[in-house]
Amino acid sequence: MTEMDGERHSTVCLEEAEAAVGRMREVLAQAGIKLPSLRLDPISYAREKPCPMVDLGRCTVDVANRVTAVLEAGTRTGAACEER
């Protein structure tokens, strides 16, 4: 992989990670849930070869229970998690 390919790969990874955070924020909002600290972990993409990670952050017990309820409801209806 050339240096240019590496830079392009890093850019694509960062864009995909930002899109994933945005989509997660939108879907949580549709369920009436807000994770105030939801973001990309800055340390994970500050490396020479970025590998962005999503930081779900901290939340109240109430929010954690609401997220759990939404996930449980999704598993009861047969919704599958799709790993990319």
PDB file of N, CA and C in Angstrom:
ATOM      1  N   MET A   1       0.851  -1.177   0.000  1.00  0.00           N
ATOM      2  CA  MET A   1       0.000   0.000   0.000  1.00  0.00           C
ATOM      3  C   MET A   1       0.892   1.234   0.000  1.00  0.00           C
ATOM      4  N   THR A   2       0.645   2.140  -0.918  1.00  0.00           N
ATOM      5  CA  THR A   2       1.428   3.368  -0.987  1.00  0.00           C
ATOM      6  C   THR A   2       0.988   4.315   0.120  1.00  0.00           C
ATOM      7  N   GLU A   3       1.780   5.349   0.331  1.00  0.00           N
ATOM      8  CA  GLU A   3       1.445   6.345   1.351  1.00  0.00           C
ATOM      9  C   GLU A   3       0.112   7.009   1.027  1.00  0.00           C
ATOM     10  N   MET A   4      -0.122   7.282  -0.268  1.00  0.00           N
ATOM     11  CA  MET A   4      -1.382   7.907  -0.693  1.00  0.00           C
ATOM     12  C   MET A   4      -2.556   6.976  -0.412  1.00  0.00           C
ATOM     13  N   ASP A   5      -2.376   5.659  -0.697  1.00  0.00           N
ATOM     14  CA  ASP A   5      -3.428   4.688  -0.403  1.00  0.00           C
ATOM     15  C   ASP A   5      -3.707   4.640   1.088  1.00  0.00           C
ATOM     16  N   GLY A   6      -2.657   4.702   1.899  1.00  0.00           N
ATOM     17  CA  GLY A   6      -2.812   4.692   3.349  1.00  0.00           C
ATOM     18  C   GLY A   6      -3.586   5.901   3.841  1.00  0.00           C
ATOM     19  N   GLU A   7      -3.289   7.053   3.274  1.00  0.00           N
ATOM     20  CA  GLU A   7      -4.009   8.274   3.652  1.00  0.00           C
ATOM     21  C   GLU A   7      -5.479   8.180   3.253  1.00  0.00           C
ATOM     22  N   ARG A   8      -5.720   7.664   2.056  1.00  0.00           N
ATOM     23  CA  ARG A   8      -7.097   7.511   1.577  1.00  0.00           C
ATOM     24  C   ARG A   8      -7.852   6.533   2.476  1.00  0.00           C
ATOM     25  N   HIS A   9      -7.186   5.420   2.826  1.00  0.00           N
ATOM     26  CA  HIS A   9      -7.800   4.426   3.711  1.00  0.00           C
ATOM     27  C   HIS A   9      -8.146   5.061   5.061  1.00  0.00           C
ATOM     28  N   SER A  10      -7.223   5.847   5.617  1.00  0.00           N
ATOM     29  CA  SER A  10      -7.463   6.511   6.895  1.00  0.00           C
ATOM     30  C   SER A  10      -8.639   7.473   6.813  1.00  0.00           C
ATOM     31  N   THR A  11      -8.716   8.204   5.707  1.00  0.00           N
ATOM     32  CA  THR A  11      -9.820   9.142   5.512  1.00  0.00           C
ATOM     33  C   THR A  11     -11.150   8.404   5.437  1.00  0.00           C
ATOM     34  N   VAL A  12     -11.180   7.295   4.705  1.00  0.00           N
ATOM     35  CA  VAL A  12     -12.407   6.509   4.575  1.00  0.00           C
ATOM     36  C   VAL A  12     -12.811   5.948   5.936  1.00  0.00           C
ATOM     37  N   CYS A  13     -11.850   5.423   6.696  1.00  0.00           N
ATOM     38  CA  CYS A  13     -12.150   4.873   8.028  1.00  0.00           C
ATOM     39  C   CYS A  13     -12.745   5.940   8.930  1.00  0.00           C
ATOM     40  N   LEU A  14     -12.160   7.124   8.905  1.00  0.00           N
ATOM     41  CA  LEU A  14     -12.659   8.211   9.742  1.00  0.00           C
ATOM     42  C   LEU A  14     -14.055   8.637   9.300  1.00  0.00           C
ATOM     43  N   GLU A  15     -14.286   8.731   7.998  1.00  0.00           N
ATOM     44  CA  GLU A  15     -15.612   9.102   7.492  1.00  0.00           C
ATOM     45  C   GLU A  15     -16.656   8.057   7.878  1.00  0.00           C
ATOM     46  N   GLU A  16     -16.304   6.775   7.775  1.00  0.00           N
ATOM     47  CA  GLU A  16     -17.234   5.710   8.156  1.00  0.00           C
ATOM     48  C   GLU A  16     -17.545   5.774   9.646  1.00  0.00           C
ATOM     49  N   ALA A  17     -16.533   6.047  10.445  1.00  0.00           N
ATOM     50  CA  ALA A  17     -16.741   6.140  11.893  1.00  0.00           C
ATOM     51  C   ALA A  17     -17.640   7.325  12.243  1.00  0.00           C
ATOM     52  N   GLU A  18     -17.414   8.464  11.598  1.00  0.00           N
ATOM     53  CA  GLU A  18     -18.261   9.637  11.834  1.00  0.00           C
ATOM     54  C   GLU A  18     -19.700   9.351  11.416  1.00  0.00           C
ATOM     55  N   ALA A  19     -19.872   8.656  10.303  1.00  0.00           N
ATOM     56  CA  ALA A  19     -21.217   8.306   9.838  1.00  0.00           C
ATOM     57  C   ALA A  19     -21.893   7.358  10.826  1.00  0.00           C
ATOM     58  N   ALA A  20     -21.143   6.420  11.372  1.00  0.00           N
ATOM     59  CA  ALA A  20     -21.703   5.476  12.341  1.00  0.00           C
ATOM     60  C   ALA A  20     -22.174   6.202  13.599  1.00  0.00           C
ATOM     61  N   VAL A  21     -21.389   7.159  14.069  1.00  0.00           N
ATOM     62  CA  VAL A  21     -21.792   7.938  15.249  1.00  0.00           C
ATOM     63  C   VAL A  21     -23.035   8.757  14.936  1.00  0.00           C
ATOM     64  N   GLY A  22     -23.065   9.368  13.771  1.00  0.00           N
ATOM     65  CA  GLY A  22     -24.238  10.156  13.378  1.00  0.00           C
ATOM     66  C   GLY A  22     -25.492   9.309  13.288  1.00  0.00           C
ATOM     67  N   ARG A  23     -25.357   8.134  12.682  1.00  0.00           N
ATOM     68  CA  ARG A  23     -26.514   7.236  12.556  1.00  0.00           C
ATOM     69  C   ARG A  23     -26.968   6.756  13.923  1.00  0.00           C
ATOM     70  N   MET A  24     -26.011   6.409  14.785  1.00  0.00           N
ATOM     71  CA  MET A  24     -26.373   5.965  16.131  1.00  0.00           C
ATOM     72  C   MET A  24     -27.106   7.081  16.881  1.00  0.00           C
ATOM     73  N   ARG A  25     -26.614   8.299  16.750  1.00  0.00           N
ATOM     74  CA  ARG A  25     -27.247   9.440  17.414  1.00  0.00           C
ATOM     75  C   ARG A  25     -28.686   9.620  16.913  1.00  0.00           C
ATOM     76  N   GLU A  26     -28.888   9.494  15.590  1.00  0.00           N
ATOM     77  CA  GLU A  26     -30.228   9.640  15.001  1.00  0.00           C
ATOM     78  C   GLU A  26     -31.181   8.544  15.479  1.00  0.00           C
ATOM     79  N   VAL A  27     -30.713   7.302  15.465  1.00  0.00           N
ATOM     80  CA  VAL A  27     -31.564   6.182  15.858  1.00  0.00           C
ATOM     81  C   VAL A  27     -31.908   6.263  17.347  1.00  0.00           C
ATOM     82  N   LEU A  28     -30.937   6.628  18.159  1.00  0.00           N
ATOM     83  CA  LEU A  28     -31.214   6.798  19.592  1.00  0.00           C
ATOM     84  C   LEU A  28     -32.239   7.914  19.799  1.00  0.00           C
ATOM     85  N   ALA A  29     -32.110   8.993  19.043  1.00  0.00           N
ATOM     86  CA  ALA A  29     -33.054  10.109  19.163  1.00  0.00           C
ATOM     87  C   ALA A  29     -34.466   9.673  18.797  1.00  0.00           C
ATOM     88  N   GLN A  30     -34.586   8.808  17.784  1.00  0.00           N
ATOM     89  CA  GLN A  30     -35.905   8.301  17.401  1.00  0.00           C
ATOM     90  C   GLN A  30     -36.547   7.514  18.540  1.00  0.00           C
ATOM     91  N   ALA A  31     -35.708   6.927  19.394  1.00  0.00           N
ATOM     92  CA  ALA A  31     -36.207   6.174  20.546  1.00  0.00           C
ATOM     93  C   ALA A  31     -36.310   7.066  21.778  1.00  0.00           C
ATOM     94  N   GLY A  32     -36.051   8.372  21.602  1.00  0.00           N
ATOM     95  CA  GLY A  32     -36.140   9.310  22.718  1.00  0.00           C
ATOM     96  C   GLY A  32     -34.959   9.234  23.672  1.00  0.00           C
ATOM     97  N   ILE A  33     -33.821   8.781  23.164  1.00  0.00           N
ATOM     98  CA  ILE A  33     -32.630   8.598  24.000  1.00  0.00           C
ATOM     99  C   ILE A  33     -31.507   9.486  23.491  1.00  0.00           C
ATOM    100  N   LYS A  34     -30.809  10.114  24.431  1.00  0.00           N
ATOM    101  CA  LYS A  34     -29.651  10.926  24.082  1.00  0.00           C
ATOM    102  C   LYS A  34     -28.478  10.493  24.947  1.00  0.00           C
ATOM    103  N   LEU A  35     -27.390  10.113  24.284  1.00  0.00           N
ATOM    104  CA  LEU A  35     -26.143   9.835  24.982  1.00  0.00           C
ATOM    105  C   LEU A  35     -25.272  11.078  24.803  1.00  0.00           C
ATOM    106  N   PRO A  36     -25.205  11.926  25.825  1.00  0.00           N
ATOM    107  CA  PRO A  36     -24.527  13.210  25.661  1.00  0.00           C
ATOM    108  C   PRO A  36     -23.042  13.115  25.336  1.00  0.00           C
ATOM    109  N   SER A  37     -22.405  12.032  25.725  1.00  0.00           N
ATOM    110  CA  SER A  37     -20.964  11.904  25.489  1.00  0.00           C
ATOM    111  C   SER A  37     -20.624  11.087  24.253  1.00  0.00           C
ATOM    112  N   LEU A  38     -21.623  10.692  23.467  1.00  0.00           N
ATOM    113  CA  LEU A  38     -21.393   9.885  22.266  1.00  0.00           C
ATOM    114  C   LEU A  38     -20.495  10.648  21.309  1.00  0.00           C
ATOM    115  N   ARG A  39     -19.376  10.014  20.932  1.00  0.00           N
ATOM    116  CA  ARG A  39     -18.408  10.671  20.044  1.00  0.00           C
ATOM    117  C   ARG A  39     -17.388   9.658  19.563  1.00  0.00           C
ATOM    118  N   LEU A  40     -16.525  10.118  18.675  1.00  0.00           N
ATOM    119  CA  LEU A  40     -15.370   9.315  18.310  1.00  0.00           C
ATOM    120  C   LEU A  40     -14.312   9.523  19.381  1.00  0.00           C
ATOM    121  N   ASP A  41     -13.634   8.460  19.732  1.00  0.00           N
ATOM    122  CA  ASP A  41     -12.550   8.549  20.705  1.00  0.00           C
ATOM    123  C   ASP A  41     -11.368   9.236  20.028  1.00  0.00           C
ATOM    124  N   PRO A  42     -11.004  10.435  20.474  1.00  0.00           N
ATOM    125  CA  PRO A  42      -9.963  11.192  19.770  1.00  0.00           C
ATOM    126  C   PRO A  42      -8.605  10.495  19.764  1.00  0.00           C
ATOM    127  N   ILE A  43      -8.288   9.733  20.773  1.00  0.00           N
ATOM    128  CA  ILE A  43      -6.989   9.062  20.822  1.00  0.00           C
ATOM    129  C   ILE A  43      -6.904   7.983  19.743  1.00  0.00           C
ATOM    130  N   SER A  44      -8.035   7.326  19.460  1.00  0.00           N
ATOM    131  CA  SER A  44      -8.021   6.227  18.496  1.00  0.00           C
ATOM    132  C   SER A  44      -7.797   6.693  17.062  1.00  0.00           C
ATOM    133  N   TYR A  45      -8.087   7.946  16.758  1.00  0.00           N
ATOM    134  CA  TYR A  45      -7.844   8.405  15.388  1.00  0.00           C
ATOM    135  C   TYR A  45      -6.714   9.420  15.307  1.00  0.00           C
ATOM    136  N   ALA A  46      -6.001   9.616  16.402  1.00  0.00           N
ATOM    137  CA  ALA A  46      -4.869  10.540  16.401  1.00  0.00           C
ATOM    138  C   ALA A  46      -3.553   9.818  16.119  1.00  0.00           C
ATOM    139  N   ARG A  47      -3.643   8.529  15.860  1.00  0.00           N
ATOM    140  CA  ARG A  47      -2.439   7.749  15.580  1.00  0.00           C
ATOM    141  C   ARG A  47      -1.987   7.946  14.139  1.00  0.00           C
ATOM    142  N   GLU A  48      -0.796   7.454  13.844  1.00  0.00           N
ATOM    143  CA  GLU A  48      -0.285   7.556  12.486  1.00  0.00           C
ATOM    144  C   GLU A  48      -1.198   6.825  11.503  1.00  0.00           C
ATOM    145  N   LYS A  49      -1.683   5.627  11.906  1.00  0.00           N
ATOM    146  CA  LYS A  49      -2.646   4.875  11.106  1.00  0.00           C
ATOM    147  C   LYS A  49      -3.931   4.795  11.922  1.00  0.00           C
ATOM    148  N   PRO A  50      -4.828   5.749  11.741  1.00  0.00           N
ATOM    149  CA  PRO A  50      -6.041   5.817  12.560  1.00  0.00           C
ATOM    150  C   PRO A  50      -6.907   4.569  12.487  1.00  0.00           C
ATOM    151  N   CYS A  51      -7.449   4.219  13.621  1.00  0.00           N
ATOM    152  CA  CYS A  51      -8.407   3.128  13.742  1.00  0.00           C
ATOM    153  C   CYS A  51      -9.509   3.646  14.672  1.00  0.00           C
ATOM    154  N   PRO A  52     -10.414   4.479  14.137  1.00  0.00           N
ATOM    155  CA  PRO A  52     -11.398   5.158  14.985  1.00  0.00           C
ATOM    156  C   PRO A  52     -12.265   4.186  15.780  1.00  0.00           C
ATOM    157  N   MET A  53     -12.472   4.543  17.032  1.00  0.00           N
ATOM    158  CA  MET A  53     -13.365   3.795  17.909  1.00  0.00           C
ATOM    159  C   MET A  53     -14.449   4.744  18.412  1.00  0.00           C
ATOM    160  N   VAL A  54     -15.637   4.195  18.629  1.00  0.00           N
ATOM    161  CA  VAL A  54     -16.763   4.987  19.108  1.00  0.00           C
ATOM    162  C   VAL A  54     -16.766   4.942  20.630  1.00  0.00           C
ATOM    163  N   ASP A  55     -16.842   6.112  21.225  1.00  0.00           N
ATOM    164  CA  ASP A  55     -16.933   6.241  22.679  1.00  0.00           C
ATOM    165  C   ASP A  55     -18.396   6.514  23.004  1.00  0.00           C
ATOM    166  N   LEU A  56     -19.048   5.539  23.632  1.00  0.00           N
ATOM    167  CA  LEU A  56     -20.462   5.704  23.978  1.00  0.00           C
ATOM    168  C   LEU A  56     -20.633   6.634  25.169  1.00  0.00           C
ATOM    169  N   GLY A  57     -19.593   6.828  25.932  1.00  0.00           N
ATOM    170  CA  GLY A  57     -19.622   7.767  27.038  1.00  0.00           C
ATOM    171  C   GLY A  57     -20.393   7.283  28.243  1.00  0.00           C
ATOM    172  N   ARG A  58     -20.642   8.210  29.115  1.00  0.00           N
ATOM    173  CA  ARG A  58     -21.356   7.908  30.350  1.00  0.00           C
ATOM    174  C   ARG A  58     -22.789   8.390  30.230  1.00  0.00           C
ATOM    175  N   CYS A  59     -23.670   7.742  31.007  1.00  0.00           N
ATOM    176  CA  CYS A  59     -25.070   8.158  31.023  1.00  0.00           C
ATOM    177  C   CYS A  59     -25.663   7.810  32.377  1.00  0.00           C
ATOM    178  N   THR A  60     -26.851   8.332  32.614  1.00  0.00           N
ATOM    179  CA  THR A  60     -27.532   8.042  33.874  1.00  0.00           C
ATOM    180  C   THR A  60     -28.058   6.607  33.859  1.00  0.00           C
ATOM    181  N   VAL A  61     -28.410   6.115  35.024  1.00  0.00           N
ATOM    182  CA  VAL A  61     -28.983   4.775  35.129  1.00  0.00           C
ATOM    183  C   VAL A  61     -30.284   4.710  34.340  1.00  0.00           C
ATOM    184  N   ASP A  62     -31.076   5.778  34.376  1.00  0.00           N
ATOM    185  CA  ASP A  62     -32.327   5.814  33.622  1.00  0.00           C
ATOM    186  C   ASP A  62     -32.074   5.632  32.127  1.00  0.00           C
ATOM    187  N   VAL A  63     -31.105   6.342  31.588  1.00  0.00           N
ATOM    188  CA  VAL A  63     -30.786   6.226  30.168  1.00  0.00           C
ATOM    189  C   VAL A  63     -30.275   4.826  29.860  1.00  0.00           C
ATOM    190  N   ALA A  64     -29.434   4.268  30.721  1.00  0.00           N
ATOM    191  CA  ALA A  64     -28.931   2.904  30.507  1.00  0.00           C
ATOM    192  C   ALA A  64     -30.090   1.908  30.482  1.00  0.00           C
ATOM    193  N   ASN A  65     -31.057   2.083  31.372  1.00  0.00           N
ATOM    194  CA  ASN A  65     -32.222   1.195  31.383  1.00  0.00           C
ATOM    195  C   ASN A  65     -33.060   1.352  30.121  1.00  0.00           C
ATOM    196  N   ARG A  66     -33.181   2.581  29.612  1.00  0.00           N
ATOM    197  CA  ARG A  66     -33.950   2.807  28.385  1.00  0.00           C
ATOM    198  C   ARG A  66     -33.253   2.199  27.178  1.00  0.00           C
ATOM    199  N   VAL A  67     -31.928   2.322  27.107  1.00  0.00           N
ATOM    200  CA  VAL A  67     -31.172   1.707  26.014  1.00  0.00           C
ATOM    201  C   VAL A  67     -31.342   0.193  26.079  1.00  0.00           C
ATOM    202  N   THR A  68     -31.233  -0.370  27.273  1.00  0.00           N
ATOM    203  CA  THR A  68     -31.406  -1.811  27.451  1.00  0.00           C
ATOM    204  C   THR A  68     -32.791  -2.261  27.015  1.00  0.00           C
ATOM    205  N   ALA A  69     -33.814  -1.495  27.364  1.00  0.00           N
ATOM    206  CA  ALA A  69     -35.185  -1.848  26.976  1.00  0.00           C
ATOM    207  C   ALA A  69     -35.346  -1.857  25.458  1.00  0.00           C
ATOM    208  N   VAL A  70     -34.755  -0.880  24.785  1.00  0.00           N
ATOM    209  CA  VAL A  70     -34.843  -0.819  23.325  1.00  0.00           C
ATOM    210  C   VAL A  70     -34.120  -2.013  22.705  1.00  0.00           C
ATOM    211  N   LEU A  71     -32.959  -2.343  23.224  1.00  0.00           N
ATOM    212  CA  LEU A  71     -32.221  -3.497  22.702  1.00  0.00           C
ATOM    213  C   LEU A  71     -32.967  -4.800  22.956  1.00  0.00           C
ATOM    214  N   GLU A  72     -33.534  -4.937  24.145  1.00  0.00           N
ATOM    215  CA  GLU A  72     -34.308  -6.142  24.451  1.00  0.00           C
ATOM    216  C   GLU A  72     -35.520  -6.266  23.537  1.00  0.00           C
ATOM    217  N   ALA A  73     -36.205  -5.156  23.295  1.00  0.00           N
ATOM    218  CA  ALA A  73     -37.369  -5.180  22.407  1.00  0.00           C
ATOM    219  C   ALA A  73     -36.950  -5.596  20.995  1.00  0.00           C
ATOM    220  N   GLY A  74     -35.808  -5.123  20.560  1.00  0.00           N
ATOM    221  CA  GLY A  74     -35.315  -5.479  19.231  1.00  0.00           C
ATOM    222  C   GLY A  74     -34.975  -6.952  19.122  1.00  0.00           C
ATOM    223  N   THR A  75     -34.425  -7.522  20.176  1.00  0.00           N
ATOM    224  CA  THR A  75     -34.086  -8.946  20.123  1.00  0.00           C
ATOM    225  C   THR A  75     -35.329  -9.813  20.216  1.00  0.00           C
ATOM    226  N   ARG A  76     -36.364  -9.346  20.912  1.00  0.00           N
ATOM    227  CA  ARG A  76     -37.617 -10.111  21.010  1.00  0.00           C
ATOM    228  C   ARG A  76     -38.351 -10.149  19.676  1.00  0.00           C
ATOM    229  N   THR A  77     -38.212  -9.103  18.881  1.00  0.00           N
ATOM    230  CA  THR A  77     -38.924  -9.063  17.596  1.00  0.00           C
ATOM    231  C   THR A  77     -38.127  -9.734  16.492  1.00  0.00           C
ATOM    232  N   GLY A  78     -36.993 -10.291  16.851  1.00  0.00           N
ATOM    233  CA  GLY A  78     -36.191 -10.997  15.871  1.00  0.00           C
ATOM    234  C   GLY A  78     -35.275 -10.105  15.084  1.00  0.00           C
ATOM    235  N   ALA A  79     -35.132  -8.849  15.512  1.00  0.00           N
ATOM    236  CA  ALA A  79     -34.209  -7.948  14.817  1.00  0.00           C
ATOM    237  C   ALA A  79     -32.799  -8.456  14.998  1.00  0.00           C
ATOM    238  N   ALA A  80     -32.057  -8.477  13.935  1.00  0.00           N
ATOM    239  CA  ALA A  80     -30.678  -8.990  13.987  1.00  0.00           C
ATOM    240  C   ALA A  80     -29.694  -7.838  13.940  1.00  0.00           C
ATOM    241  N   CYS A  81     -28.613  -7.990  14.672  1.00  0.00           N
ATOM    242  CA  CYS A  81     -27.521  -7.033  14.588  1.00  0.00           C
ATOM    243  C   CYS A  81     -26.664  -7.435  13.401  1.00  0.00           C
ATOM    244  N   GLU A  82     -26.347  -6.474  12.601  1.00  0.00           N
ATOM    245  CA  GLU A  82     -25.541  -6.750  11.409  1.00  0.00           C
ATOM    246  C   GLU A  82     -24.144  -6.211  11.634  1.00  0.00           C
ATOM    247  N   GLU A  83     -23.160  -7.083  11.612  1.00  0.00           N
ATOM    248  CA  GLU A  83     -21.770  -6.698  11.789  1.00  0.00           C
ATOM    249  C   GLU A  83     -21.162  -6.448  10.421  1.00  0.00           C
ATOM    250  N   ARG A  84     -20.496  -5.319  10.280  1.00  0.00           N
ATOM    251  CA  ARG A  84     -19.846  -5.020   8.993  1.00  0.00           C
ATOM    252  C   ARG A  84     -18.408  -5.377   9.056  1.00  0.00           C
TER     253      ARG A  84
END
